[in-house]
Protein backbone atom coordinates (compact mmCIF):
# COMPACT_ATOMS: atom_id res chain seq x y z
CA MET A 1 -25.58 -25.95 -21.04
CA GLY A 2 -22.26 -27.55 -20.13
CA ASP A 3 -18.91 -26.01 -19.28
CA GLU A 4 -17.88 -25.36 -22.89
CA ALA A 5 -21.12 -23.62 -23.75
CA ALA A 6 -20.88 -21.59 -20.55
CA ARG A 7 -17.33 -20.55 -21.52
CA GLU A 8 -18.51 -19.51 -24.94
CA TYR A 9 -21.33 -17.49 -23.40
CA LEU A 10 -18.97 -15.69 -21.04
CA ASP A 11 -16.44 -15.03 -23.79
CA GLY A 12 -19.28 -13.57 -25.83
CA LEU A 13 -20.03 -11.11 -23.08
CA ASP A 14 -16.33 -10.10 -23.02
CA ARG A 15 -16.62 -8.97 -26.62
CA LEU A 16 -19.15 -6.37 -25.58
CA GLY A 17 -16.29 -4.46 -24.01
CA MET A 18 -16.47 -2.00 -21.09
CA ARG A 19 -19.53 0.28 -20.65
CA PHE A 20 -20.08 2.74 -17.81
CA GLY A 21 -23.49 3.11 -16.21
CA LEU A 22 -25.51 1.34 -13.55
CA GLU A 23 -28.83 0.74 -15.47
CA ARG A 24 -27.88 -2.77 -16.53
CA MET A 25 -26.64 -3.79 -13.08
CA GLN A 26 -29.68 -2.36 -11.37
CA ALA A 27 -31.99 -4.31 -13.71
CA LEU A 28 -30.01 -7.50 -13.10
CA MET A 29 -30.10 -6.98 -9.38
CA GLU A 30 -33.88 -6.57 -9.48
CA VAL A 31 -34.29 -9.85 -11.41
CA LEU A 32 -32.01 -11.68 -8.95
CA GLY A 33 -33.77 -10.26 -5.85
CA SER A 34 -30.93 -7.92 -4.72
CA PRO A 35 -28.33 -10.42 -3.55
CA GLN A 36 -25.91 -7.53 -2.85
CA LEU A 37 -28.11 -6.49 0.11
CA ALA A 38 -27.97 -9.86 1.88
CA TYR A 39 -24.74 -9.00 3.81
CA ARG A 40 -22.76 -6.05 4.94
CA THR A 41 -20.14 -4.76 2.50
CA VAL A 42 -16.86 -2.88 2.26
CA HIS A 43 -16.27 -1.07 -1.06
CA VAL A 44 -12.60 -0.69 -2.13
CA VAL A 45 -11.75 1.89 -4.86
CA GLY A 46 -8.44 3.46 -5.89
CA THR A 47 -5.74 3.59 -8.50
CA ASN A 48 -3.31 1.09 -7.05
CA GLY A 49 -3.45 -1.39 -4.18
CA LYS A 50 -7.13 -2.38 -4.46
CA THR A 51 -6.74 -6.08 -4.71
CA SER A 52 -4.15 -6.46 -2.00
CA THR A 53 -6.19 -4.22 0.35
CA THR A 54 -9.37 -6.21 -0.49
CA ARG A 55 -7.60 -9.44 0.39
CA PHE A 56 -6.19 -7.96 3.65
CA ILE A 57 -9.54 -6.67 4.80
CA ALA A 58 -11.29 -9.96 3.99
CA GLY A 59 -8.62 -11.90 5.84
CA ILE A 60 -8.85 -9.71 8.92
CA LEU A 61 -12.67 -9.96 9.08
CA ARG A 62 -12.52 -13.69 8.61
CA ALA A 63 -9.99 -14.04 11.45
CA HIS A 64 -12.54 -12.26 13.66
CA GLY A 65 -15.13 -14.87 13.13
CA LEU A 66 -17.08 -13.61 10.11
CA ARG A 67 -17.93 -15.56 7.00
CA VAL A 68 -16.48 -13.24 4.35
CA GLY A 69 -16.75 -12.98 0.58
CA ALA A 70 -14.20 -11.12 -1.50
CA TYR A 71 -14.57 -9.92 -5.06
CA ILE A 72 -11.42 -8.99 -7.02
CA SER A 73 -10.51 -8.21 -10.61
CA PRO A 74 -9.08 -9.00 -12.96
CA HIS A 75 -8.45 -12.73 -12.68
CA LEU A 76 -5.17 -14.35 -13.67
CA VAL A 77 -5.96 -17.89 -14.80
CA SER A 78 -9.70 -18.48 -14.46
CA PRO A 79 -12.65 -16.10 -13.86
CA ALA A 80 -13.59 -18.33 -10.92
CA GLU A 81 -10.73 -16.68 -9.00
CA ARG A 82 -12.67 -13.43 -8.76
CA GLN A 83 -15.16 -14.54 -6.17
CA MET A 84 -13.84 -16.00 -2.92
CA VAL A 85 -15.48 -17.06 0.36
CA ASP A 86 -13.20 -17.33 3.43
CA GLY A 87 -10.18 -17.08 1.21
CA LEU A 88 -11.17 -19.86 -1.21
CA ALA A 89 -12.27 -19.28 -4.78
CA ILE A 90 -15.41 -20.93 -6.04
CA LEU A 91 -14.70 -24.35 -7.47
CA GLU A 92 -14.56 -24.47 -11.29
CA PRO A 93 -17.59 -26.87 -11.66
CA ASP A 94 -19.66 -24.68 -9.29
CA PHE A 95 -18.61 -21.58 -11.17
CA TRP A 96 -19.68 -22.79 -14.55
CA THR A 97 -22.93 -24.18 -13.21
CA LEU A 98 -23.68 -20.78 -11.68
CA VAL A 99 -22.88 -19.11 -15.07
CA GLU A 100 -25.55 -21.39 -16.55
CA GLU A 101 -28.03 -20.71 -13.86
CA LEU A 102 -27.65 -16.85 -14.11
CA ARG A 103 -28.06 -16.69 -17.91
CA PRO A 104 -31.93 -16.52 -17.83
CA ALA A 105 -31.65 -13.64 -15.29
CA VAL A 106 -29.51 -11.70 -17.78
CA GLU A 107 -31.93 -12.33 -20.59
CA GLU A 108 -34.82 -11.16 -18.37
CA ALA A 109 -32.92 -8.01 -17.30
CA GLU A 110 -32.02 -7.13 -20.87
CA LYS A 111 -35.80 -7.26 -21.75
CA ARG A 112 -36.29 -4.45 -19.25
CA LEU A 113 -33.56 -2.31 -20.81
CA PRO A 114 -33.74 -0.09 -23.86
CA GLU A 115 -33.17 -1.93 -27.18
CA GLY A 116 -29.46 -2.80 -27.72
CA HIS A 117 -28.42 -2.62 -24.11
CA ARG A 118 -26.48 -5.73 -23.17
CA VAL A 119 -25.03 -6.86 -19.85
CA THR A 120 -21.22 -6.83 -20.07
CA GLN A 121 -18.90 -9.56 -18.81
CA PHE A 122 -17.73 -7.52 -15.82
CA GLU A 123 -21.31 -6.81 -14.85
CA PHE A 124 -22.19 -10.48 -15.16
CA LEU A 125 -19.21 -11.59 -13.07
CA THR A 126 -20.06 -8.93 -10.44
CA ALA A 127 -23.64 -10.18 -10.21
CA LEU A 128 -22.41 -13.75 -10.02
CA ALA A 129 -20.22 -12.87 -7.07
CA PHE A 130 -23.03 -11.14 -5.25
CA GLU A 131 -25.28 -14.14 -5.76
CA TRP A 132 -22.56 -16.61 -4.74
CA PHE A 133 -21.93 -14.75 -1.51
CA ARG A 134 -25.64 -14.83 -0.72
CA ARG A 135 -25.83 -18.58 -1.33
CA GLN A 136 -22.78 -19.13 0.85
CA GLY A 137 -24.35 -17.29 3.76
CA CYS A 138 -21.73 -14.61 4.02
CA ASP A 139 -21.85 -12.16 6.92
CA ALA A 140 -19.76 -9.65 4.99
CA ALA A 141 -18.22 -9.11 1.58
CA VAL A 142 -15.28 -6.92 0.54
CA ILE A 143 -15.87 -5.63 -3.05
CA GLU A 144 -13.11 -4.31 -5.24
CA ALA A 145 -14.29 -1.79 -7.84
CA GLY A 146 -13.31 -2.34 -11.43
CA LEU A 147 -12.81 1.17 -12.72
CA GLY A 148 -13.52 4.44 -11.02
CA GLY A 149 -16.41 4.24 -8.68
CA ARG A 150 -19.36 6.44 -9.53
CA LEU A 151 -20.53 4.40 -12.54
CA ASP A 152 -18.69 1.17 -11.79
CA ALA A 153 -20.87 -1.96 -11.73
CA THR A 154 -19.93 -2.62 -8.15
CA SER A 155 -21.57 0.64 -7.01
CA VAL A 156 -24.99 -1.01 -6.72
CA ILE A 157 -23.91 -2.16 -3.23
CA GLN A 158 -24.89 -0.16 -0.10
CA SER A 159 -21.51 -0.36 1.62
CA ASP A 160 -20.91 0.10 5.32
CA VAL A 161 -17.35 1.22 4.79
CA GLN A 162 -15.72 2.83 1.78
CA VAL A 163 -11.97 2.54 1.14
CA LEU A 164 -9.92 4.79 -1.15
CA THR A 165 -6.45 3.21 -1.49
CA SER A 166 -4.75 5.80 -3.69
CA VAL A 167 -5.28 8.30 -6.48
CA GLY A 168 -3.13 8.49 -9.59
CA LEU A 169 -3.38 9.49 -13.23
CA ASP A 170 -4.74 6.26 -14.72
CA HIS A 171 -7.67 5.64 -17.12
CA THR A 172 -7.75 9.37 -17.74
CA ASP A 173 -9.93 8.89 -20.85
CA TYR A 174 -12.70 7.63 -18.62
CA LEU A 175 -12.14 9.21 -15.19
CA GLY A 176 -10.76 12.66 -16.04
CA GLN A 177 -7.46 14.35 -16.88
CA SER A 178 -6.68 15.61 -13.35
CA LEU A 179 -6.19 14.05 -9.95
CA ASP A 180 -9.08 16.15 -8.59
CA ALA A 181 -11.42 14.77 -11.24
CA ILE A 182 -10.29 11.15 -10.64
CA LEU A 183 -10.67 11.50 -6.90
CA ALA A 184 -14.26 12.84 -7.39
CA GLU A 185 -15.11 9.82 -9.51
CA LYS A 186 -13.76 7.35 -7.00
CA ALA A 187 -15.09 9.18 -3.91
CA ALA A 188 -18.58 9.05 -5.41
CA VAL A 189 -18.93 5.69 -3.62
CA VAL A 190 -18.96 7.41 -0.23
CA ARG A 191 -22.42 7.12 1.24
CA PRO A 192 -24.31 9.60 3.37
CA GLY A 193 -23.28 8.83 6.93
CA GLY A 194 -20.62 6.42 5.67
CA LYS A 195 -17.33 5.42 7.13
CA VAL A 196 -14.30 6.12 4.95
CA MET A 197 -10.69 4.92 5.18
CA ALA A 198 -8.21 6.54 2.85
CA GLY A 199 -4.62 5.67 1.98
CA PRO A 200 -1.80 8.19 1.55
CA LEU A 201 -2.99 11.22 -0.39
CA ALA A 202 -1.43 14.54 -1.42
CA PRO A 203 -2.57 17.47 0.81
CA GLN A 204 -4.91 18.96 -1.78
CA LEU A 205 -6.60 15.57 -2.33
CA LYS A 206 -6.99 15.07 1.42
CA ALA A 207 -8.72 18.48 1.62
CA GLN A 208 -10.97 17.55 -1.27
CA LEU A 209 -11.96 14.24 0.28
CA ARG A 210 -12.56 15.89 3.68
CA ASP A 211 -14.97 18.30 2.02
CA ILE A 212 -16.83 15.50 0.27
CA CYS A 213 -17.17 13.50 3.54
CA ARG A 214 -18.20 16.65 5.45
CA ASP A 215 -21.00 17.31 2.99
CA LEU A 216 -22.17 13.69 3.29
CA GLN A 217 -21.70 13.66 7.09
CA ALA A 218 -19.39 10.69 6.64
CA GLU A 219 -16.60 9.71 9.04
CA ILE A 220 -13.14 9.97 7.42
CA ARG A 221 -9.87 8.39 8.52
CA PHE A 222 -6.48 8.77 6.82
CA GLN A 223 -3.32 6.64 6.62
CA ASP A 224 -0.42 8.55 8.24
CA GLU A 225 -2.81 10.60 10.37
CA ASP A 226 -5.27 8.22 12.07
CA VAL A 227 -3.27 5.05 11.17
CA SER A 228 0.47 5.23 11.55
CA LEU A 229 3.12 2.64 10.64
CA LEU A 230 6.28 2.17 12.69
CA ALA A 231 8.75 0.24 10.60
CA ASP A 232 12.25 0.27 9.20
CA SER A 233 13.20 -0.14 5.54
CA HIS A 234 13.57 -3.92 5.65
CA GLN A 235 11.20 -6.85 5.52
CA SER A 236 10.92 -7.13 9.27
CA PRO A 237 8.00 -7.02 11.68
CA PHE A 238 6.27 -3.61 12.04
CA ASP A 239 3.83 -1.91 14.32
CA VAL A 240 0.61 -0.07 13.61
CA PHE A 241 -0.93 2.62 15.83
CA SER A 242 -4.50 3.25 14.82
CA PHE A 243 -7.54 5.28 15.93
CA LYS A 244 -9.04 2.26 17.70
CA GLY A 245 -5.96 0.36 18.91
CA SER A 246 -2.27 -0.39 18.58
CA TYR A 247 -0.76 -3.61 17.16
CA SER A 248 2.82 -4.72 17.43
CA ASP A 249 5.01 -7.35 15.81
CA LEU A 250 3.01 -7.63 12.57
CA SER A 251 4.44 -9.50 9.60
CA LEU A 252 3.05 -10.02 6.13
CA GLY A 253 2.95 -13.16 4.06
CA VAL A 254 3.57 -11.15 0.88
CA LEU A 255 6.66 -9.36 -0.34
CA GLY A 256 6.97 -5.63 -0.94
CA LEU A 257 7.25 -2.73 1.52
CA TYR A 258 4.27 -1.00 -0.15
CA GLN A 259 2.12 -3.88 1.11
CA ARG A 260 2.54 -2.49 4.62
CA GLU A 261 0.72 0.62 3.48
CA ASN A 262 -2.09 -1.56 2.06
CA ALA A 263 -2.21 -3.53 5.32
CA GLY A 264 -2.42 -0.28 7.32
CA VAL A 265 -5.40 0.90 5.25
CA ALA A 266 -7.00 -2.56 5.71
CA ILE A 267 -6.61 -2.35 9.49
CA GLY A 268 -8.29 1.05 9.56
CA ALA A 269 -11.09 -0.21 7.34
CA ALA A 270 -11.62 -3.30 9.48
CA GLU A 271 -11.74 -1.19 12.65
CA LEU A 272 -14.45 0.96 11.05
CA PHE A 273 -16.38 -2.12 9.98
CA MET A 274 -16.09 -3.80 13.42
CA ASN A 275 -16.62 -0.42 15.17
CA GLY A 276 -13.78 -1.14 17.61
CA PRO A 277 -10.21 -2.38 18.04
CA LEU A 278 -9.08 -5.60 16.45
CA GLU A 279 -7.77 -8.63 18.43
CA ALA A 280 -4.00 -8.51 18.06
CA ASP A 281 -3.39 -12.23 17.71
CA ARG A 282 -6.08 -12.70 15.11
CA LEU A 283 -4.77 -9.72 13.14
CA ARG A 284 -1.25 -11.12 13.18
CA ARG A 285 -2.51 -14.44 11.91
CA ALA A 286 -4.60 -12.93 9.19
CA LEU A 287 -1.86 -10.64 7.79
CA ALA A 288 0.67 -13.54 7.78
CA GLU A 289 -1.81 -15.81 5.87
CA VAL A 290 -2.85 -13.46 3.08
CA ARG A 291 -1.36 -14.14 -0.34
CA VAL A 292 -1.71 -11.91 -3.41
CA PRO A 293 -0.96 -13.76 -6.67
CA GLY A 294 0.68 -11.65 -9.35
CA ARG A 295 2.17 -9.10 -6.91
CA MET A 296 5.82 -9.74 -6.31
CA GLU A 297 5.13 -13.35 -6.73
CA VAL A 298 8.25 -15.56 -6.78
CA MET A 299 7.97 -18.08 -9.59
CA SER A 300 11.37 -19.73 -9.28
CA GLN A 301 14.58 -19.43 -7.31
CA LYS A 302 17.24 -20.44 -9.83
CA PRO A 303 17.15 -18.13 -11.55
CA LEU A 304 15.15 -15.89 -9.26
CA CYS A 305 12.03 -14.97 -11.26
CA ILE A 306 9.46 -12.49 -9.93
CA LEU A 307 6.01 -11.76 -11.43
CA ASP A 308 4.40 -8.41 -10.65
CA GLY A 309 1.44 -6.75 -12.31
CA ALA A 310 2.60 -3.13 -11.91
CA HIS A 311 0.62 -1.48 -14.67
CA ASN A 312 1.14 2.25 -14.30
CA PRO A 313 4.00 4.61 -13.32
CA GLN A 314 2.87 4.72 -9.66
CA GLY A 315 2.80 0.92 -9.40
CA MET A 316 6.03 0.52 -11.25
CA GLY A 317 7.77 2.99 -8.91
CA GLU A 318 6.50 1.08 -5.84
CA LEU A 319 7.72 -2.20 -7.33
CA LEU A 320 11.24 -0.93 -8.13
CA ARG A 321 11.59 0.65 -4.64
CA ALA A 322 10.56 -2.60 -3.04
CA LEU A 323 13.00 -4.61 -5.19
CA ASP A 324 15.76 -2.17 -4.41
CA VAL A 325 15.32 -2.94 -0.65
CA LEU A 326 14.89 -6.71 -1.05
CA LEU A 327 17.52 -7.22 -3.79
CA PRO A 328 20.05 -4.35 -3.54
CA ARG A 329 22.45 -4.00 -6.52
CA ARG A 330 20.76 -6.88 -8.37
CA ARG A 331 20.25 -6.32 -12.10
CA PHE A 332 17.18 -7.37 -14.10
CA ILE A 333 16.37 -9.20 -17.22
CA SER A 334 12.84 -7.96 -17.70
CA VAL A 335 9.96 -9.24 -19.79
CA VAL A 336 7.64 -6.29 -20.30
CA SER A 337 4.22 -5.77 -21.85
CA ILE A 338 2.07 -2.65 -21.31
CA LEU A 339 -1.43 -1.59 -22.35
CA ARG A 340 -1.86 1.33 -24.80
CA ASP A 341 -3.96 3.40 -22.39
CA LYS A 342 -1.08 3.49 -19.81
CA ASP A 343 1.88 5.84 -19.71
CA ALA A 344 4.25 3.34 -21.18
CA GLU A 345 7.03 5.83 -21.77
CA ALA A 346 7.13 6.87 -18.15
CA MET A 347 7.10 3.19 -17.01
CA LEU A 348 9.95 2.31 -19.37
CA ALA A 349 11.99 5.33 -18.16
CA GLN A 350 11.58 3.93 -14.63
CA ILE A 351 12.57 0.31 -15.26
CA GLY A 352 15.20 0.88 -17.94
CA PRO A 353 18.14 1.86 -15.67
CA HIS A 354 17.62 -1.28 -13.59
CA CYS A 355 17.87 -3.70 -16.54
CA ASP A 356 20.72 -5.31 -18.41
CA ILE A 357 18.26 -6.83 -20.93
CA LEU A 358 14.66 -5.98 -21.87
CA PHE A 359 12.33 -8.27 -23.76
CA PHE A 360 9.42 -6.40 -25.20
CA THR A 361 6.40 -8.67 -25.62
CA GLU A 362 2.65 -8.59 -25.85
CA ASN A 363 -0.37 -9.83 -23.92
CA SER A 364 -3.78 -11.20 -24.85
CA ASN A 365 -5.70 -7.99 -24.04
CA ASP A 366 -6.87 -6.06 -27.17
CA ARG A 367 -5.35 -2.91 -25.64
CA SER A 368 -1.82 -4.34 -25.51
CA CYS A 369 0.90 -2.27 -27.07
CA SER A 370 2.68 -4.23 -29.79
CA ALA A 371 6.27 -5.20 -29.01
CA GLU A 372 7.42 -2.83 -31.81
CA GLU A 373 5.42 0.07 -30.33
CA LEU A 374 7.19 -0.44 -27.01
CA THR A 375 10.52 -0.47 -28.85
CA GLN A 376 9.72 2.88 -30.44
CA LEU A 377 8.49 4.37 -27.12
CA SER A 378 11.69 3.21 -25.45
CA ASP A 379 13.99 5.26 -27.79
CA GLY A 380 15.72 7.89 -25.68
CA VAL A 381 14.14 6.94 -22.34
CA LEU A 382 15.96 3.69 -21.40
CA ALA A 383 19.33 5.38 -21.20
CA PRO A 384 19.08 9.02 -20.13
CA ASN A 385 22.09 11.39 -20.23
CA GLY A 386 23.85 9.35 -22.87
CA GLU A 387 24.39 6.38 -20.60
CA ARG A 388 24.50 2.88 -22.01
CA GLY A 389 21.00 1.36 -21.85
CA PRO A 390 19.81 -2.23 -21.65
CA GLU A 391 20.04 -4.55 -24.60
CA VAL A 392 16.55 -4.79 -26.19
CA PHE A 393 14.87 -7.81 -27.79
CA VAL A 394 11.46 -8.14 -29.34
CA ASP A 395 9.45 -11.33 -28.91
CA ARG A 396 5.67 -11.12 -29.34
CA ASP A 397 5.13 -14.40 -27.46
CA PRO A 398 5.45 -13.78 -23.70
CA CYS A 399 6.31 -17.36 -22.84
CA SER A 400 8.98 -17.52 -25.56
CA ALA A 401 10.37 -14.23 -24.20
CA LEU A 402 10.40 -15.71 -20.72
CA ARG A 403 12.24 -18.82 -21.84
CA SER A 404 14.85 -16.64 -23.49
CA ALA A 405 15.22 -14.55 -20.33
CA TYR A 406 15.73 -17.74 -18.31
CA LYS A 407 18.53 -18.90 -20.67
CA LEU A 408 20.36 -15.56 -20.49
CA ALA A 409 20.09 -15.03 -16.74
CA SER A 410 23.30 -15.21 -14.70
CA SER A 411 23.37 -16.13 -11.04
CA ASN A 412 23.24 -12.41 -10.01
CA GLN A 413 20.43 -11.39 -12.37
CA VAL A 414 16.75 -11.44 -11.61
CA VAL A 415 14.11 -12.27 -14.20
CA LEU A 416 11.30 -9.78 -13.82
CA VAL A 417 7.94 -10.13 -15.59
CA THR A 418 5.90 -6.93 -15.34
CA GLY A 419 4.03 -4.10 -16.97
CA SER A 420 0.51 -5.57 -16.91
CA LEU A 421 -1.64 -8.01 -14.98
CA TYR A 422 -2.76 -9.39 -18.30
CA LEU A 423 0.82 -10.34 -19.07
CA ILE A 424 1.10 -12.07 -15.72
CA ALA A 425 -2.17 -13.87 -16.40
CA ASP A 426 -0.93 -15.06 -19.79
CA VAL A 427 2.28 -16.39 -18.32
CA LYS A 428 0.53 -18.16 -15.43
CA ARG A 429 -2.18 -19.56 -17.67
CA ASN A 430 0.38 -21.09 -20.05
CA LEU A 431 2.47 -22.46 -17.16
CA SER A 432 -0.58 -24.09 -15.68
CA ARG A 433 -1.05 -25.97 -18.96
């Protein structure tokens, strides 16, 4: 078929959009011979922190001698980034060859489905990852859910450990209008007799998750109860006291204090998977080696430019708190694009007081707010209490907006690109060209 034809095929699947339900994935898994059952799995769901936690768990398991696959989404530059084995993404030629090889399986699966049912791009990429991990002889795979959990394409796995990183009001049109409803959708991945590691949750959500796990006779562990972090407010080594062991002098290879929470959840999940304590030296090495592109990623030093895919109020708040610790009293020139199904007004109210200049731009996703829409949403929220707000510019081209931000940045200002992972992907993709 060739790379170009394979790209056209994959792009065609993208136009089908997002569809909940497991019927298509189940049919595709049957045709492929259930590759998702060829190795043990960890399933990672949650509102924020999924990708980082997935990468941390995979790195820890790899450091302990396992051959480990990791499936993440979305990708930034190439869809080949989504499926990694031992920390390395599938090579582009191998990826497009595998796309070609799996196309007949999709056609066969669709014949078994009701008329009009088509495999989506996310389902195809998920199946491709499962098959790649089987071909690579993986012992384990850490699988990041796309959206929710109950009806997400990744839920065809039979996971050994289930991880819930966080719960926030996001994708409410699909997952429910309340935190209780969203938790129920995500916690539906918990298996009877499963092992569950959960990140920081509000008391009522903890109680709800305990009830779910009790009914399923699943073991449940919580961050801040069963896994505790001992750390100060700076980017210095920290200690973790967990239900299986204690680990001192840990350092991360990624920026952001919130990443310590993700690492703590990953440590608890790895202990559950390994059914015992971790080896401290291997853990230290793994945490120091993990990188998370698009999360507090430093693109340049002069001026200092940081890319971060914070895409909802919870993520934006964590980003701004982390930057306040790392870069106290530094002001931002921000390039911002946000999707329509996010609480853009709340995100702009958070970032506005930190900025001298805001460039509103757009990204390649169909759900992107227009730059003009962001300008309208920003009225009255960027400068509360009559304070002077940031200067606002509109530039629909994110790379053009970034070039302008570079030109305007003084030595004490930070260029911050944020609001959507799709914006980060567009910027990185154009830079790579």
